[in-house]
Amino acid sequence: MLTNSVSEDLVINIPARKVIANGQLITLTAKEFDLLVALASAPDRVFTRETLLNQVWGYTYLGDGRTVDVHIGTVRKSLRAF
């Protein structure tokens, strides 16, 4: 469980569902937060879209796999702002 700094500039507080980048609170949707937690929990791992869909959206998700790309893009944009 991540509750401390992921790096000097990024803190993910899972119980509080908060992300702080460079001292600034980052606003993420629930899915964006869950996606960031999944990616940060294994920083050296390469995830497939299918794996992330199953882990974040659940096995019953019937949408397009490109939704992962869109959400990752949004998370990156949110983190780059700080």
Protein backbone atom coordinates (compact mmCIF):
# COMPACT_ATOMS: atom_id res chain seq x y z
CA MET A 1 0.00 0.00 0.00
CA LEU A 2 1.38 3.39 -0.94
CA THR A 3 1.00 6.04 1.69
CA ASN A 4 4.34 7.76 1.44
CA SER A 5 6.35 9.49 -1.21
CA VAL A 6 6.60 7.71 -4.51
CA SER A 7 9.38 10.15 -5.32
CA GLU A 8 10.55 13.44 -3.87
CA ASP A 9 7.90 15.24 -5.87
CA LEU A 10 4.98 12.79 -5.79
CA VAL A 11 3.01 11.53 -2.80
CA ILE A 12 0.06 9.14 -3.16
CA ASN A 13 -2.03 8.78 -0.02
CA ILE A 14 -4.24 5.78 -0.72
CA PRO A 15 -6.42 5.88 2.42
CA ALA A 16 -7.21 9.57 1.83
CA ARG A 17 -7.30 9.08 -1.98
CA LYS A 18 -5.11 12.16 -2.45
CA VAL A 19 -2.20 12.88 -4.75
CA ILE A 20 0.28 15.64 -4.05
CA ALA A 21 2.79 16.67 -6.70
CA ASN A 22 5.43 19.27 -5.87
CA GLY A 23 3.44 20.25 -2.79
CA GLN A 24 0.22 20.83 -4.75
CA LEU A 25 -2.94 18.74 -4.41
CA ILE A 26 -3.80 17.10 -7.73
CA THR A 27 -7.45 16.56 -8.59
CA LEU A 28 -8.07 13.19 -10.21
CA THR A 29 -11.23 11.23 -10.91
CA ALA A 30 -11.72 7.94 -9.08
CA LYS A 31 -10.58 5.92 -12.11
CA GLU A 32 -7.57 8.18 -12.71
CA PHE A 33 -6.55 7.77 -9.07
CA ASP A 34 -6.97 3.98 -9.23
CA LEU A 35 -4.95 3.87 -12.46
CA LEU A 36 -2.14 5.93 -10.93
CA VAL A 37 -2.05 3.66 -7.88
CA ALA A 38 -1.90 0.57 -10.10
CA LEU A 39 0.97 1.99 -12.14
CA ALA A 40 2.86 3.34 -9.11
CA SER A 41 2.54 0.07 -7.23
CA ALA A 42 4.86 -1.62 -9.75
CA PRO A 43 7.01 1.12 -11.31
CA ASP A 44 9.30 -1.31 -13.13
CA ARG A 45 6.48 -3.36 -14.63
CA VAL A 46 5.07 -2.98 -18.13
CA PHE A 47 1.27 -3.22 -18.03
CA THR A 48 -0.90 -4.27 -20.94
CA ARG A 49 -4.15 -2.41 -21.55
CA GLU A 50 -6.01 -5.61 -20.73
CA THR A 51 -4.25 -5.94 -17.38
CA LEU A 52 -5.05 -2.34 -16.44
CA LEU A 53 -8.66 -2.71 -17.61
CA ASN A 54 -9.06 -5.79 -15.43
CA GLN A 55 -7.30 -4.26 -12.43
CA VAL A 56 -8.85 -0.78 -12.53
CA TRP A 57 -12.16 -1.17 -14.34
CA GLY A 58 -12.89 -4.78 -13.46
CA TYR A 59 -13.43 -7.94 -15.46
CA THR A 60 -16.95 -6.94 -16.45
CA TYR A 61 -15.87 -3.76 -18.27
CA LEU A 62 -17.01 -4.01 -21.88
CA GLY A 63 -15.61 -0.74 -23.20
CA ASP A 64 -12.78 -0.07 -25.60
CA GLY A 65 -9.21 -0.71 -24.44
CA ARG A 66 -8.28 2.78 -25.61
CA THR A 67 -10.00 4.19 -22.54
CA VAL A 68 -6.78 3.28 -20.71
CA ASP A 69 -4.82 5.49 -23.11
CA VAL A 70 -7.18 8.40 -22.55
CA HIS A 71 -7.01 8.09 -18.77
CA ILE A 72 -3.22 7.78 -18.78
CA GLY A 73 -3.05 10.91 -20.92
CA THR A 74 -5.23 12.78 -18.46
CA VAL A 75 -3.14 11.65 -15.48
CA ARG A 76 0.06 12.70 -17.24
CA LYS A 77 -1.41 16.09 -18.08
CA SER A 78 -2.55 16.58 -14.48
CA LEU A 79 0.89 15.70 -13.10
CA ARG A 80 2.77 17.83 -15.64
CA ALA A 81 0.88 20.91 -14.52
CA PHE A 82 2.96 20.86 -11.34
